C-alpha atoms as a PDB file:
ATOM      1  CA  MET A   1     105.749 108.645  96.624  1.00  0.00           C
ATOM      2  CA  ASN A   2     104.174 106.565  99.387  1.00  0.00           C
ATOM      3  CA  VAL A   3     107.252 106.363 101.614  1.00  0.00           C
ATOM      4  CA  GLU A   4     110.242 108.486 100.643  1.00  0.00           C
ATOM      5  CA  ALA A   5     108.356 111.732  99.948  1.00  0.00           C
ATOM      6  CA  PRO A   6     106.508 111.554 103.301  1.00  0.00           C
ATOM      7  CA  ARG A   7     109.849 110.844 104.996  1.00  0.00           C
ATOM      8  CA  VAL A   8     111.153 114.206 103.753  1.00  0.00           C
ATOM      9  CA  ILE A   9     107.947 115.929 104.867  1.00  0.00           C
ATOM     10  CA  ALA A  10     108.193 114.240 108.273  1.00  0.00           C
ATOM     11  CA  GLU A  11     111.677 115.647 108.782  1.00  0.00           C
ATOM     12  CA  SER A  12     110.344 119.142 108.126  1.00  0.00           C
ATOM     13  CA  THR A  13     107.354 118.762 110.449  1.00  0.00           C
ATOM     14  CA  ALA A  14     109.580 117.423 113.216  1.00  0.00           C
ATOM     15  CA  ALA A  15     111.770 120.515 112.964  1.00  0.00           C
ATOM     16  CA  SER A  16     108.758 122.844 113.231  1.00  0.00           C
ATOM     17  CA  ASP A  17     106.670 120.820 115.732  1.00  0.00           C
ATOM     18  CA  ALA A  18     103.841 120.660 113.178  1.00  0.00           C
ATOM     19  CA  LEU A  19     101.240 117.912 113.201  1.00  0.00           C
ATOM     20  CA  LEU A  20     101.776 115.383 110.398  1.00  0.00           C
ATOM     21  CA  VAL A  21      98.550 113.768 109.151  1.00  0.00           C
ATOM     22  CA  VAL A  22      98.783 110.713 106.896  1.00  0.00           C
ATOM     23  CA  PHE A  23      96.196 108.378 105.407  1.00  0.00           C
ATOM     24  CA  SER A  24      96.765 104.653 105.689  1.00  0.00           C
ATOM     25  CA  SER A  25      94.773 101.565 104.787  1.00  0.00           C
ATOM     26  CA  GLU A  26      93.300  98.337 106.100  1.00  0.00           C
ATOM     27  CA  TYR A  27      95.838  96.711 103.769  1.00  0.00           C
ATOM     28  CA  VAL A  28      98.366  96.868 106.621  1.00  0.00           C
ATOM     29  CA  PHE A  29      96.500  93.785 107.937  1.00  0.00           C
ATOM     30  CA  ASP A  30      96.563  90.263 106.514  1.00  0.00           C
ATOM     31  CA  GLY A  31      92.787  89.908 106.414  1.00  0.00           C
ATOM     32  CA  THR A  32      92.489  86.719 108.460  1.00  0.00           C
ATOM     33  CA  ALA A  33      90.719  88.146 111.528  1.00  0.00           C
ATOM     34  CA  GLY A  34      88.913  91.397 110.700  1.00  0.00           C
ATOM     35  CA  ALA A  35      87.368  93.677 111.565  1.00  0.00           C
ATOM     36  CA  TYR A  36      90.550  95.111 113.133  1.00  0.00           C
ATOM     37  CA  ALA A  37      91.167  97.541 115.982  1.00  0.00           C
ATOM     38  CA  GLU A  38      93.903 100.167 115.948  1.00  0.00           C
ATOM     39  CA  ASP A  39      96.318  98.142 118.081  1.00  0.00           C
ATOM     40  CA  ASP A  40      95.946  94.818 116.263  1.00  0.00           C
ATOM     41  CA  ALA A  41      99.150  93.433 114.796  1.00  0.00           C
ATOM     42  CA  ARG A  42      99.976  94.585 111.279  1.00  0.00           C
ATOM     43  CA  ARG A  43     100.838  91.878 108.770  1.00  0.00           C
ATOM     44  CA  PRO A  44     100.643  93.283 105.238  1.00  0.00           C
ATOM     45  CA  ILE A  45     100.481  90.708 102.460  1.00  0.00           C
ATOM     46  CA  ASN A  46     101.156  92.950  99.447  1.00  0.00           C
ATOM     47  CA  GLU A  47     103.504  95.774  98.502  1.00  0.00           C
ATOM     48  CA  TYR A  48     100.886  98.498  98.924  1.00  0.00           C
ATOM     49  CA  GLY A  49     100.235  97.333 102.488  1.00  0.00           C
ATOM     50  CA  ARG A  50     103.955  97.230 103.261  1.00  0.00           C
ATOM     51  CA  GLN A  51     104.364 100.794 102.006  1.00  0.00           C
ATOM     52  CA  LYS A  52     101.429 101.975 104.102  1.00  0.00           C
ATOM     53  CA  ALA A  53     102.922 100.301 107.195  1.00  0.00           C
ATOM     54  CA  ALA A  54     106.201 102.106 106.509  1.00  0.00           C
ATOM     55  CA  LEU A  55     104.299 105.389 106.142  1.00  0.00           C
ATOM     56  CA  GLU A  56     102.639 104.836 109.514  1.00  0.00           C
ATOM     57  CA  ASP A  57     106.014 104.228 111.147  1.00  0.00           C
ATOM     58  CA  ILE A  58     107.383 107.446 109.667  1.00  0.00           C
ATOM     59  CA  ALA A  59     104.450 109.517 110.921  1.00  0.00           C
ATOM     60  CA  LEU A  60     104.407 107.999 114.400  1.00  0.00           C
ATOM     61  CA  GLY A  61     108.178 108.322 114.640  1.00  0.00           C
ATOM     62  CA  THR A  62     107.871 112.123 114.589  1.00  0.00           C
ATOM     63  CA  GLY A  63     106.026 112.102 117.916  1.00  0.00           C
ATOM     64  CA  ARG A  64     103.475 114.423 116.287  1.00  0.00           C
ATOM     65  CA  GLY A  65     101.890 112.089 113.761  1.00  0.00           C
ATOM     66  CA  LEU A  66      98.207 111.342 113.181  1.00  0.00           C
ATOM     67  CA  VAL A  67      97.536 108.167 111.190  1.00  0.00           C
ATOM     68  CA  CYS A  68      94.052 107.940 109.693  1.00  0.00           C
ATOM     69  CA  ARG A  69      93.520 104.343 108.578  1.00  0.00           C
ATOM     70  CA  THR A  70      90.600 103.934 106.233  1.00  0.00           C
ATOM     71  CA  SER A  71      88.877 101.399 104.003  1.00  0.00           C
ATOM     72  CA  ALA A  72      87.019 101.184 100.674  1.00  0.00           C
ATOM     73  CA  VAL A  73      86.813 104.948 100.149  1.00  0.00           C
ATOM     74  CA  PHE A  74      84.166 106.072  97.673  1.00  0.00           C
ATOM     75  CA  GLY A  75      82.747 109.337  96.416  1.00  0.00           C
ATOM     76  CA  ASP A  76      82.552 111.569  93.381  1.00  0.00           C
ATOM     77  CA  ASP A  77      85.723 110.825  91.404  1.00  0.00           C
ATOM     78  CA  PRO A  78      86.420 112.578  88.063  1.00  0.00           C
ATOM     79  CA  ARG A  79      88.794 109.737  87.172  1.00  0.00           C
ATOM     80  CA  ARG A  80      86.048 107.150  87.868  1.00  0.00           C
ATOM     81  CA  LYS A  81      88.558 104.816  89.518  1.00  0.00           C
ATOM     82  CA  ASN A  82      86.974 103.892  92.845  1.00  0.00           C
ATOM     83  CA  PHE A  83      84.849 100.760  93.322  1.00  0.00           C
ATOM     84  CA  VAL A  84      81.520 102.584  93.271  1.00  0.00           C
ATOM     85  CA  CYS A  85      82.263 104.590  90.127  1.00  0.00           C
ATOM     86  CA  GLN A  86      83.486 101.534  88.268  1.00  0.00           C
ATOM     87  CA  LEU A  87      80.458  99.501  89.318  1.00  0.00           C
ATOM     88  CA  VAL A  88      77.996 102.232  88.314  1.00  0.00           C
ATOM     89  CA  ASP A  89      79.649 102.809  84.944  1.00  0.00           C
ATOM     90  CA  ARG A  90      79.639  99.109  84.071  1.00  0.00           C
ATOM     91  CA  LEU A  91      76.051  98.462  85.150  1.00  0.00           C
ATOM     92  CA  ARG A  92      74.793 101.588  83.375  1.00  0.00           C
ATOM     93  CA  ALA A  93      76.409 100.256  80.213  1.00  0.00           C
ATOM     94  CA  GLY A  94      74.567  96.954  80.682  1.00  0.00           C
ATOM     95  CA  GLU A  95      77.792  95.091  81.415  1.00  0.00           C
ATOM     96  CA  THR A  96      78.404  92.547  84.156  1.00  0.00           C
ATOM     97  CA  PHE A  97      80.619  93.442  87.108  1.00  0.00           C
ATOM     98  CA  ASP A  98      82.657  90.914  89.112  1.00  0.00           C
ATOM     99  CA  VAL A  99      82.517  91.453  92.882  1.00  0.00           C
ATOM    100  CA  PRO A 100      84.697  89.581  95.396  1.00  0.00           C
ATOM    101  CA  SER A 101      82.377  87.431  97.489  1.00  0.00           C
ATOM    102  CA  ASP A 102      84.917  86.718 100.217  1.00  0.00           C
ATOM    103  CA  GLN A 103      86.199  90.215 101.071  1.00  0.00           C
ATOM    104  CA  LEU A 104      85.137  92.226 104.121  1.00  0.00           C
ATOM    105  CA  VAL A 105      85.562  96.010 103.957  1.00  0.00           C
ATOM    106  CA  THR A 106      84.310  99.115 105.762  1.00  0.00           C
ATOM    107  CA  PRO A 107      82.904 101.421 103.071  1.00  0.00           C
ATOM    108  CA  THR A 108      83.901 105.026 103.762  1.00  0.00           C
ATOM    109  CA  TYR A 109      82.344 108.105 102.166  1.00  0.00           C
ATOM    110  CA  ALA A 110      85.134 110.478 101.136  1.00  0.00           C
ATOM    111  CA  PRO A 111      83.520 113.768 102.332  1.00  0.00           C
ATOM    112  CA  SER A 112      82.756 112.183 105.712  1.00  0.00           C
ATOM    113  CA  LEU A 113      86.336 110.887 105.950  1.00  0.00           C
ATOM    114  CA  ALA A 114      87.677 114.368 105.209  1.00  0.00           C
ATOM    115  CA  ARG A 115      85.491 116.040 107.849  1.00  0.00           C
ATOM    116  CA  ALA A 116      86.518 113.531 110.514  1.00  0.00           C
ATOM    117  CA  ALA A 117      90.227 113.879 109.707  1.00  0.00           C
ATOM    118  CA  VAL A 118      89.975 117.674 109.991  1.00  0.00           C
ATOM    119  CA  LYS A 119      88.244 117.391 113.378  1.00  0.00           C
ATOM    120  CA  LEU A 120      90.971 115.079 114.700  1.00  0.00           C
ATOM    121  CA  ALA A 121      93.686 117.419 113.434  1.00  0.00           C
ATOM    122  CA  GLU A 122      92.003 120.487 114.911  1.00  0.00           C
ATOM    123  CA  ARG A 123      91.987 118.710 118.290  1.00  0.00           C
ATOM    124  CA  GLY A 124      95.679 117.962 117.942  1.00  0.00           C
ATOM    125  CA  LYS A 125      95.178 114.208 118.126  1.00  0.00           C
ATOM    126  CA  THR A 126      98.111 111.905 117.484  1.00  0.00           C
ATOM    127  CA  GLY A 127      98.492 108.165 117.079  1.00  0.00           C
ATOM    128  CA  VAL A 128      96.336 105.815 115.033  1.00  0.00           C
ATOM    129  CA  TYR A 129      92.618 106.239 114.407  1.00  0.00           C
ATOM    130  CA  HIS A 130      90.437 104.091 112.205  1.00  0.00           C
ATOM    131  CA  VAL A 131      88.587 106.735 110.215  1.00  0.00           C
ATOM    132  CA  ALA A 132      86.101 104.592 108.328  1.00  0.00           C
ATOM    133  CA  GLY A 133      82.403 104.044 107.872  1.00  0.00           C
ATOM    134  CA  PRO A 134      80.215 102.756 110.697  1.00  0.00           C
ATOM    135  CA  LYS A 135      79.822  99.181 109.461  1.00  0.00           C
ATOM    136  CA  ALA A 136      82.039  96.425 108.100  1.00  0.00           C
ATOM    137  CA  MET A 137      80.333  94.463 105.339  1.00  0.00           C
ATOM    138  CA  GLY A 138      81.030  92.096 102.491  1.00  0.00           C
ATOM    139  CA  ARG A 139      81.758  93.638  99.113  1.00  0.00           C
ATOM    140  CA  VAL A 140      78.735  91.928  97.574  1.00  0.00           C
ATOM    141  CA  GLU A 141      76.411  93.474 100.181  1.00  0.00           C
ATOM    142  CA  PHE A 142      77.976  96.869  99.494  1.00  0.00           C
ATOM    143  CA  ALA A 143      77.667  96.381  95.724  1.00  0.00           C
ATOM    144  CA  ARG A 144      73.950  95.715  96.115  1.00  0.00           C
ATOM    145  CA  LEU A 145      73.565  98.917  98.130  1.00  0.00           C
ATOM    146  CA  VAL A 146      75.243 100.769  95.253  1.00  0.00           C
ATOM    147  CA  ALA A 147      72.920  99.193  92.703  1.00  0.00           C
ATOM    148  CA  ASP A 148      69.888 100.091  94.812  1.00  0.00           C
ATOM    149  CA  ALA A 149      70.962 103.716  95.261  1.00  0.00           C
ATOM    150  CA  PHE A 150      71.561 104.206  91.543  1.00  0.00           C
ATOM    151  CA  ARG A 151      68.553 102.069  90.477  1.00  0.00           C
ATOM    152  CA  LEU A 152      70.682  99.600  88.572  1.00  0.00           C
ATOM    153  CA  ASP A 153      70.199  95.918  87.782  1.00  0.00           C
ATOM    154  CA  HIS A 154      71.415  93.568  90.555  1.00  0.00           C
ATOM    155  CA  SER A 155      71.536  90.652  88.145  1.00  0.00           C
ATOM    156  CA  LEU A 156      74.599  92.174  86.459  1.00  0.00           C
ATOM    157  CA  LEU A 157      76.619  91.718  89.667  1.00  0.00           C
ATOM    158  CA  ARG A 158      78.659  88.510  89.548  1.00  0.00           C
ATOM    159  CA  PRO A 159      79.982  87.314  92.932  1.00  0.00           C
ATOM    160  CA  ARG A 160      83.411  85.698  92.562  1.00  0.00           C
ATOM    161  CA  GLU A 161      85.936  84.378  95.041  1.00  0.00           C
ATOM    162  CA  THR A 162      89.108  86.453  95.152  1.00  0.00           C
ATOM    163  CA  ARG A 163      91.170  83.552  93.805  1.00  0.00           C
ATOM    164  CA  GLU A 164      88.987  83.497  90.673  1.00  0.00           C
ATOM    165  CA  MET A 165      89.622  87.122  89.766  1.00  0.00           C
ATOM    166  CA  ASN A 166      93.261  86.902  88.618  1.00  0.00           C
ATOM    167  CA  LEU A 167      94.307  89.966  90.607  1.00  0.00           C
ATOM    168  CA  SER A 168      97.909  91.084  90.268  1.00  0.00           C
ATOM    169  CA  ALA A 169      98.452  91.277  94.034  1.00  0.00           C
ATOM    170  CA  ALA A 170      97.121  89.433  97.077  1.00  0.00           C
ATOM    171  CA  ARG A 171      94.186  91.054  98.877  1.00  0.00           C
ATOM    172  CA  PRO A 172      93.323  90.813 102.574  1.00  0.00           C
ATOM    173  CA  LYS A 173      89.962  89.026 102.678  1.00  0.00           C
ATOM    174  CA  ARG A 174      88.517  89.572 106.154  1.00  0.00           C
ATOM    175  CA  ALA A 175      89.822  93.091 106.611  1.00  0.00           C
ATOM    176  CA  GLY A 176      87.489  95.867 107.751  1.00  0.00           C
ATOM    177  CA  LEU A 177      88.125  98.357 110.537  1.00  0.00           C
ATOM    178  CA  ARG A 178      86.632  98.824 113.993  1.00  0.00           C
ATOM    179  CA  THR A 179      85.886 102.475 114.718  1.00  0.00           C
ATOM    180  CA  GLU A 180      84.968 102.641 118.416  1.00  0.00           C
ATOM    181  CA  ARG A 181      87.932 104.889 119.208  1.00  0.00           C
ATOM    182  CA  LEU A 182      86.883 107.412 116.572  1.00  0.00           C
ATOM    183  CA  ARG A 183      83.264 107.428 117.745  1.00  0.00           C
ATOM    184  CA  GLU A 184      84.348 108.018 121.339  1.00  0.00           C
ATOM    185  CA  GLU A 185      86.505 110.959 120.263  1.00  0.00           C
ATOM    186  CA  LEU A 186      84.019 112.611 117.883  1.00  0.00           C
ATOM    187  CA  GLY A 187      80.774 111.570 119.574  1.00  0.00           C
ATOM    188  CA  GLU A 188      79.370 110.479 116.224  1.00  0.00           C
ATOM    189  CA  LYS A 189      79.763 107.956 113.435  1.00  0.00           C
ATOM    190  CA  LEU A 190      80.790 108.652 109.866  1.00  0.00           C
ATOM    191  CA  THR A 191      78.020 108.696 107.258  1.00  0.00           C
ATOM    192  CA  ALA A 192      76.421 105.284 106.742  1.00  0.00           C
ATOM    193  CA  PRO A 193      76.961 103.784 103.265  1.00  0.00           C
ATOM    194  CA  ALA A 194      73.290 103.706 102.264  1.00  0.00           C
ATOM    195  CA  LYS A 195      72.791 107.380 103.152  1.00  0.00           C
ATOM    196  CA  ALA A 196      76.062 108.386 101.467  1.00  0.00           C
ATOM    197  CA  LEU A 197      75.165 106.503  98.295  1.00  0.00           C
ATOM    198  CA  ARG A 198      71.741 108.182  98.119  1.00  0.00           C
ATOM    199  CA  GLU A 199      73.487 111.542  98.444  1.00  0.00           C
ATOM    200  CA  LEU A 200      75.991 110.575  95.758  1.00  0.00           C
ATOM    201  CA  ALA A 201      73.289 109.301  93.402  1.00  0.00           C
ATOM    202  CA  GLY A 202      71.301 112.520  93.791  1.00  0.00           C
END
């Protein structure tokens, strides 16, 4: 789904000269030197990152591909699977929530991401853009912003090093994305996390 299906779509867009827009991830980087710019070397350290790197190559290989790399996307999710939804659900239930203390991300509000991607596509932009929030931050700092916005108990957050969390796949630690290129193109930043979380919390 991440590679072979887009390859078929890419063949069709190439034949019709359509613009192919794909969404990639900071996981194409190894997380040793973030925050990363668009032209920094990709070195994925897990299978998801390798598939996203392959997707980027497919899109750029058409000559009419727009790659929107993003990070830590959050928003209203009926499946309650993103970081913010999981954190809110656990803290509301009075349960503790483990947060990686050594991971850098760039929290990105989904509606803001969508608006920016549409603007880039409408302008016919191609190549790689980091379409992410305006600030790279540690996951613990972001988790505290979430707790503040939803008026939840900070003491239930449990900072843990990534190696302590028994994750099934390696994670890039110092990832995060630099977004100067996007700001120059759009003349504005994406919605800041604190403002987005207040909007989400109602």
